[in-house]
């Protein structure tokens, strides 16, 4: 049975963006990376501040693939 409702964000090790750049949890200033169900990328810094990544036009960056976490 298919899930209904809003797609949730999942915590991942890293994502590949539409422009080909990669964002990983090990990058400088990034503690964790979330791949949102609406294809946006949310990162958390060492002060636990969540930020949506924006492109140069001020629009949210979109991910095309991600590396899942297995904990």
PDB file of N, CA and C in Angstrom:
ATOM      1  N   UNK A   1       0.846  -1.170   0.000  1.00  0.00           N
ATOM      2  CA  UNK A   1       0.000   0.000   0.000  1.00  0.00           C
ATOM      3  C   UNK A   1       0.895   1.238   0.000  1.00  0.00           C
ATOM      4  N   UNK A   2       0.562   2.182  -0.836  1.00  0.00           N
ATOM      5  CA  UNK A   2       1.348   3.410  -0.941  1.00  0.00           C
ATOM      6  C   UNK A   2       1.092   4.316   0.252  1.00  0.00           C
ATOM      7  N   UNK A   3       2.135   5.012   0.639  1.00  0.00           N
ATOM      8  CA  UNK A   3       2.017   5.968   1.733  1.00  0.00           C
ATOM      9  C   UNK A   3       1.295   7.209   1.266  1.00  0.00           C
ATOM     10  N   UNK A   4       0.453   7.734   2.100  1.00  0.00           N
ATOM     11  CA  UNK A   4      -0.257   8.960   1.763  1.00  0.00           C
ATOM     12  C   UNK A   4       0.252  10.090   2.638  1.00  0.00           C
ATOM     13  N   UNK A   5       0.103  11.291   2.152  1.00  0.00           N
ATOM     14  CA  UNK A   5       0.501  12.439   2.956  1.00  0.00           C
ATOM     15  C   UNK A   5       1.815  13.041   2.517  1.00  0.00           C
ATOM     16  N   UNK A   6       2.338  13.887   3.387  1.00  0.00           N
ATOM     17  CA  UNK A   6       3.567  14.630   3.112  1.00  0.00           C
ATOM     18  C   UNK A   6       4.794  13.739   3.196  1.00  0.00           C
ATOM     19  N   UNK A   7       5.717  13.939   2.260  1.00  0.00           N
ATOM     20  CA  UNK A   7       6.982  13.213   2.314  1.00  0.00           C
ATOM     21  C   UNK A   7       7.860  13.860   3.369  1.00  0.00           C
ATOM     22  N   UNK A   8       8.548  13.044   4.163  1.00  0.00           N
ATOM     23  CA  UNK A   8       9.354  13.583   5.250  1.00  0.00           C
ATOM     24  C   UNK A   8      10.813  13.701   4.836  1.00  0.00           C
ATOM     25  N   UNK A   9      11.552  14.483   5.571  1.00  0.00           N
ATOM     26  CA  UNK A   9      12.989  14.627   5.357  1.00  0.00           C
ATOM     27  C   UNK A   9      13.700  13.447   5.995  1.00  0.00           C
ATOM     28  N   UNK A  10      14.796  13.020   5.372  1.00  0.00           N
ATOM     29  CA  UNK A  10      15.600  11.962   5.963  1.00  0.00           C
ATOM     30  C   UNK A  10      17.040  12.445   6.091  1.00  0.00           C
ATOM     31  N   UNK A  11      17.697  12.009   7.152  1.00  0.00           N
ATOM     32  CA  UNK A  11      19.089  12.382   7.354  1.00  0.00           C
ATOM     33  C   UNK A  11      19.954  11.472   6.494  1.00  0.00           C
ATOM     34  N   UNK A  12      20.895  12.054   5.760  1.00  0.00           N
ATOM     35  CA  UNK A  12      21.748  11.313   4.839  1.00  0.00           C
ATOM     36  C   UNK A  12      23.210  11.707   5.060  1.00  0.00           C
ATOM     37  N   UNK A  13      24.134  10.915   4.498  1.00  0.00           N
ATOM     38  CA  UNK A  13      25.562  11.252   4.584  1.00  0.00           C
ATOM     39  C   UNK A  13      25.906  12.387   3.638  1.00  0.00           C
ATOM     40  N   UNK A  14      25.240  12.422   2.485  1.00  0.00           N
ATOM     41  CA  UNK A  14      25.531  13.468   1.517  1.00  0.00           C
ATOM     42  C   UNK A  14      24.547  13.442   0.370  1.00  0.00           C
ATOM     43  N   UNK A  15      24.540  14.519  -0.427  1.00  0.00           N
ATOM     44  CA  UNK A  15      23.657  14.627  -1.584  1.00  0.00           C
ATOM     45  C   UNK A  15      24.435  15.161  -2.779  1.00  0.00           C
ATOM     46  N   UNK A  16      23.919  14.848  -3.968  1.00  0.00           N
ATOM     47  CA  UNK A  16      24.418  15.435  -5.209  1.00  0.00           C
ATOM     48  C   UNK A  16      23.338  16.395  -5.676  1.00  0.00           C
ATOM     49  N   UNK A  17      23.730  17.630  -5.941  1.00  0.00           N
ATOM     50  CA  UNK A  17      22.789  18.666  -6.352  1.00  0.00           C
ATOM     51  C   UNK A  17      22.579  18.649  -7.858  1.00  0.00           C
ATOM     52  N   UNK A  18      21.525  19.325  -8.316  1.00  0.00           N
ATOM     53  CA  UNK A  18      21.228  19.404  -9.751  1.00  0.00           C
ATOM     54  C   UNK A  18      22.382  19.979 -10.555  1.00  0.00           C
ATOM     55  N   UNK A  19      23.150  20.890  -9.960  1.00  0.00           N
ATOM     56  CA  UNK A  19      24.261  21.515 -10.685  1.00  0.00           C
ATOM     57  C   UNK A  19      25.534  20.663 -10.660  1.00  0.00           C
ATOM     58  N   UNK A  20      25.484  19.473 -10.040  1.00  0.00           N
ATOM     59  CA  UNK A  20      26.619  18.562 -10.023  1.00  0.00           C
ATOM     60  C   UNK A  20      27.486  18.656  -8.781  1.00  0.00           C
ATOM     61  N   UNK A  21      27.296  19.668  -7.965  1.00  0.00           N
ATOM     62  CA  UNK A  21      28.058  19.799  -6.722  1.00  0.00           C
ATOM     63  C   UNK A  21      27.589  18.778  -5.700  1.00  0.00           C
ATOM     64  N   UNK A  22      28.478  18.453  -4.769  1.00  0.00           N
ATOM     65  CA  UNK A  22      28.145  17.516  -3.708  1.00  0.00           C
ATOM     66  C   UNK A  22      28.221  18.212  -2.355  1.00  0.00           C
ATOM     67  N   UNK A  23      27.329  17.829  -1.452  1.00  0.00           N
ATOM     68  CA  UNK A  23      27.331  18.338  -0.080  1.00  0.00           C
ATOM     69  C   UNK A  23      27.370  17.121   0.824  1.00  0.00           C
ATOM     70  N   UNK A  24      28.367  17.068   1.714  1.00  0.00           N
ATOM     71  CA  UNK A  24      28.544  15.923   2.605  1.00  0.00           C
ATOM     72  C   UNK A  24      28.548  16.366   4.057  1.00  0.00           C
ATOM     73  N   UNK A  25      28.224  15.438   4.944  1.00  0.00           N
ATOM     74  CA  UNK A  25      28.213  15.738   6.372  1.00  0.00           C
ATOM     75  C   UNK A  25      29.612  16.069   6.885  1.00  0.00           C
ATOM     76  N   UNK A  26      30.662  15.693   6.171  1.00  0.00           N
ATOM     77  CA  UNK A  26      32.019  15.978   6.598  1.00  0.00           C
ATOM     78  C   UNK A  26      32.584  17.289   6.093  1.00  0.00           C
ATOM     79  N   UNK A  27      31.819  18.031   5.301  1.00  0.00           N
ATOM     80  CA  UNK A  27      32.290  19.318   4.784  1.00  0.00           C
ATOM     81  C   UNK A  27      32.451  20.322   5.918  1.00  0.00           C
ATOM     82  N   UNK A  28      33.299  21.323   5.702  1.00  0.00           N
ATOM     83  CA  UNK A  28      33.542  22.353   6.725  1.00  0.00           C
ATOM     84  C   UNK A  28      32.249  23.052   7.118  1.00  0.00           C
ATOM     85  N   UNK A  29      31.980  23.109   8.415  1.00  0.00           N
ATOM     86  CA  UNK A  29      30.818  23.811   8.924  1.00  0.00           C
ATOM     87  C   UNK A  29      29.511  23.048   8.855  1.00  0.00           C
ATOM     88  N   UNK A  30      29.525  21.833   8.294  1.00  0.00           N
ATOM     89  CA  UNK A  30      28.301  21.040   8.172  1.00  0.00           C
ATOM     90  C   UNK A  30      28.406  19.819   9.074  1.00  0.00           C
ATOM     91  N   UNK A  31      27.416  19.650   9.939  1.00  0.00           N
ATOM     92  CA  UNK A  31      27.384  18.505  10.840  1.00  0.00           C
ATOM     93  C   UNK A  31      26.476  17.409  10.297  1.00  0.00           C
ATOM     94  N   UNK A  32      25.318  17.795   9.743  1.00  0.00           N
ATOM     95  CA  UNK A  32      24.406  16.813   9.180  1.00  0.00           C
ATOM     96  C   UNK A  32      23.702  17.376   7.957  1.00  0.00           C
ATOM     97  N   UNK A  33      23.247  16.458   7.096  1.00  0.00           N
ATOM     98  CA  UNK A  33      22.576  16.815   5.851  1.00  0.00           C
ATOM     99  C   UNK A  33      21.237  16.091   5.812  1.00  0.00           C
ATOM    100  N   UNK A  34      20.185  16.803   5.424  1.00  0.00           N
ATOM    101  CA  UNK A  34      18.855  16.223   5.294  1.00  0.00           C
ATOM    102  C   UNK A  34      18.382  16.375   3.859  1.00  0.00           C
ATOM    103  N   UNK A  35      17.846  15.302   3.282  1.00  0.00           N
ATOM    104  CA  UNK A  35      17.231  15.335   1.959  1.00  0.00           C
ATOM    105  C   UNK A  35      15.730  15.408   2.182  1.00  0.00           C
ATOM    106  N   UNK A  36      15.131  16.544   1.846  1.00  0.00           N
ATOM    107  CA  UNK A  36      13.704  16.746   2.067  1.00  0.00           C
ATOM    108  C   UNK A  36      12.901  16.079   0.957  1.00  0.00           C
ATOM    109  N   UNK A  37      11.665  15.742   1.277  1.00  0.00           N
ATOM    110  CA  UNK A  37      10.781  15.102   0.316  1.00  0.00           C
ATOM    111  C   UNK A  37      10.453  15.969  -0.882  1.00  0.00           C
ATOM    112  N   UNK A  38      10.546  17.280  -0.731  1.00  0.00           N
ATOM    113  CA  UNK A  38      10.299  18.199  -1.844  1.00  0.00           C
ATOM    114  C   UNK A  38      11.579  18.511  -2.621  1.00  0.00           C
ATOM    115  N   UNK A  39      12.618  17.689  -2.429  1.00  0.00           N
ATOM    116  CA  UNK A  39      13.918  17.773  -3.125  1.00  0.00           C
ATOM    117  C   UNK A  39      14.815  18.906  -2.634  1.00  0.00           C
ATOM    118  N   UNK A  40      14.479  19.586  -1.532  1.00  0.00           N
ATOM    119  CA  UNK A  40      15.354  20.614  -0.983  1.00  0.00           C
ATOM    120  C   UNK A  40      16.408  19.974  -0.082  1.00  0.00           C
ATOM    121  N   UNK A  41      17.506  20.691   0.127  1.00  0.00           N
ATOM    122  CA  UNK A  41      18.606  20.215   0.972  1.00  0.00           C
ATOM    123  C   UNK A  41      18.688  21.109   2.205  1.00  0.00           C
ATOM    124  N   UNK A  42      18.676  20.476   3.377  1.00  0.00           N
ATOM    125  CA  UNK A  42      18.754  21.199   4.637  1.00  0.00           C
ATOM    126  C   UNK A  42      20.019  20.724   5.351  1.00  0.00           C
ATOM    127  N   UNK A  43      20.842  21.659   5.816  1.00  0.00           N
ATOM    128  CA  UNK A  43      22.069  21.316   6.525  1.00  0.00           C
ATOM    129  C   UNK A  43      22.006  21.877   7.940  1.00  0.00           C
ATOM    130  N   UNK A  44      22.725  21.221   8.854  1.00  0.00           N
ATOM    131  CA  UNK A  44      22.828  21.661  10.239  1.00  0.00           C
ATOM    132  C   UNK A  44      24.287  21.945  10.543  1.00  0.00           C
ATOM    133  N   UNK A  45      24.544  23.080  11.207  1.00  0.00           N
ATOM    134  CA  UNK A  45      25.925  23.420  11.575  1.00  0.00           C
ATOM    135  C   UNK A  45      26.217  22.969  12.996  1.00  0.00           C
ATOM    136  N   UNK A  46      27.413  23.281  13.483  1.00  0.00           N
ATOM    137  CA  UNK A  46      27.818  22.836  14.814  1.00  0.00           C
ATOM    138  C   UNK A  46      27.070  23.527  15.946  1.00  0.00           C
ATOM    139  N   UNK A  47      26.312  24.571  15.650  1.00  0.00           N
ATOM    140  CA  UNK A  47      25.484  25.241  16.660  1.00  0.00           C
ATOM    141  C   UNK A  47      24.025  24.789  16.568  1.00  0.00           C
ATOM    142  N   UNK A  48      23.778  23.703  15.827  1.00  0.00           N
ATOM    143  CA  UNK A  48      22.448  23.110  15.633  1.00  0.00           C
ATOM    144  C   UNK A  48      21.487  24.044  14.906  1.00  0.00           C
ATOM    145  N   UNK A  49      22.008  24.897  14.029  1.00  0.00           N
ATOM    146  CA  UNK A  49      21.183  25.788  13.225  1.00  0.00           C
ATOM    147  C   UNK A  49      20.882  25.112  11.899  1.00  0.00           C
ATOM    148  N   UNK A  50      19.598  24.920  11.604  1.00  0.00           N
ATOM    149  CA  UNK A  50      19.195  24.313  10.333  1.00  0.00           C
ATOM    150  C   UNK A  50      19.047  25.399   9.280  1.00  0.00           C
ATOM    151  N   UNK A  51      19.613  25.135   8.095  1.00  0.00           N
ATOM    152  CA  UNK A  51      19.592  26.092   7.004  1.00  0.00           C
ATOM    153  C   UNK A  51      19.271  25.374   5.711  1.00  0.00           C
ATOM    154  N   UNK A  52      18.363  25.931   4.913  1.00  0.00           N
ATOM    155  CA  UNK A  52      18.080  25.405   3.586  1.00  0.00           C
ATOM    156  C   UNK A  52      19.104  25.989   2.627  1.00  0.00           C
ATOM    157  N   UNK A  53      19.754  25.128   1.839  1.00  0.00           N
ATOM    158  CA  UNK A  53      20.740  25.614   0.875  1.00  0.00           C
ATOM    159  C   UNK A  53      20.043  26.360  -0.254  1.00  0.00           C
ATOM    160  N   UNK A  54      20.563  27.524  -0.593  1.00  0.00           N
ATOM    161  CA  UNK A  54      19.995  28.349  -1.657  1.00  0.00           C
ATOM    162  C   UNK A  54      21.004  28.520  -2.780  1.00  0.00           C
ATOM    163  N   UNK A  55      20.510  28.614  -4.022  1.00  0.00           N
ATOM    164  CA  UNK A  55      21.401  28.866  -5.151  1.00  0.00           C
ATOM    165  C   UNK A  55      21.618  30.365  -5.295  1.00  0.00           C
ATOM    166  N   UNK A  56      22.318  30.783  -6.326  1.00  0.00           N
ATOM    167  CA  UNK A  56      22.652  32.201  -6.506  1.00  0.00           C
ATOM    168  C   UNK A  56      21.419  33.065  -6.773  1.00  0.00           C
ATOM    169  N   UNK A  57      20.317  32.453  -7.220  1.00  0.00           N
ATOM    170  CA  UNK A  57      19.080  33.193  -7.467  1.00  0.00           C
ATOM    171  C   UNK A  57      18.221  33.311  -6.219  1.00  0.00           C
ATOM    172  N   UNK A  58      18.654  32.707  -5.113  1.00  0.00           N
ATOM    173  CA  UNK A  58      17.896  32.759  -3.880  1.00  0.00           C
ATOM    174  C   UNK A  58      16.840  31.672  -3.761  1.00  0.00           C
ATOM    175  N   UNK A  59      16.839  30.722  -4.704  1.00  0.00           N
ATOM    176  CA  UNK A  59      15.884  29.618  -4.666  1.00  0.00           C
ATOM    177  C   UNK A  59      16.552  28.407  -4.036  1.00  0.00           C
ATOM    178  N   UNK A  60      15.780  27.529  -3.399  1.00  0.00           N
ATOM    179  CA  UNK A  60      16.371  26.345  -2.756  1.00  0.00           C
ATOM    180  C   UNK A  60      17.065  25.423  -3.763  1.00  0.00           C
ATOM    181  N   UNK A  61      18.240  24.931  -3.365  1.00  0.00           N
ATOM    182  CA  UNK A  61      18.948  23.934  -4.168  1.00  0.00           C
ATOM    183  C   UNK A  61      18.146  22.637  -4.148  1.00  0.00           C
ATOM    184  N   UNK A  62      18.174  21.890  -5.237  1.00  0.00           N
ATOM    185  CA  UNK A  62      17.462  20.612  -5.334  1.00  0.00           C
ATOM    186  C   UNK A  62      18.476  19.481  -5.442  1.00  0.00           C
ATOM    187  N   UNK A  63      18.203  18.357  -4.758  1.00  0.00           N
ATOM    188  CA  UNK A  63      19.082  17.205  -4.836  1.00  0.00           C
ATOM    189  C   UNK A  63      18.568  16.250  -5.904  1.00  0.00           C
ATOM    190  N   UNK A  64      19.505  15.505  -6.540  1.00  0.00           N
ATOM    191  CA  UNK A  64      19.131  14.503  -7.537  1.00  0.00           C
ATOM    192  C   UNK A  64      19.390  13.090  -7.022  1.00  0.00           C
ATOM    193  N   UNK A  65      20.357  12.951  -6.112  1.00  0.00           N
ATOM    194  CA  UNK A  65      20.609  11.649  -5.479  1.00  0.00           C
ATOM    195  C   UNK A  65      21.243  11.889  -4.125  1.00  0.00           C
ATOM    196  N   UNK A  66      21.192  10.841  -3.282  1.00  0.00           N
ATOM    197  CA  UNK A  66      21.760  10.960  -1.952  1.00  0.00           C
ATOM    198  C   UNK A  66      22.373   9.643  -1.522  1.00  0.00           C
ATOM    199  N   UNK A  67      23.287   9.724  -0.554  1.00  0.00           N
ATOM    200  CA  UNK A  67      23.904   8.558   0.038  1.00  0.00           C
ATOM    201  C   UNK A  67      23.258   8.354   1.406  1.00  0.00           C
ATOM    202  N   UNK A  68      22.446   7.302   1.559  1.00  0.00           N
ATOM    203  CA  UNK A  68      21.714   7.126   2.823  1.00  0.00           C
ATOM    204  C   UNK A  68      22.614   6.749   3.980  1.00  0.00           C
ATOM    205  N   UNK A  69      22.125   7.007   5.183  1.00  0.00           N
ATOM    206  CA  UNK A  69      22.812   6.616   6.412  1.00  0.00           C
ATOM    207  C   UNK A  69      22.283   5.265   6.849  1.00  0.00           C
ATOM    208  N   UNK A  70      23.160   4.420   7.327  1.00  0.00           N
ATOM    209  CA  UNK A  70      22.750   3.130   7.875  1.00  0.00           C
ATOM    210  C   UNK A  70      23.256   3.077   9.305  1.00  0.00           C
ATOM    211  N   UNK A  71      22.408   3.401  10.249  1.00  0.00           N
ATOM    212  CA  UNK A  71      22.787   3.406  11.665  1.00  0.00           C
ATOM    213  C   UNK A  71      22.112   2.263  12.371  1.00  0.00           C
TER     214      UNK A  71
END
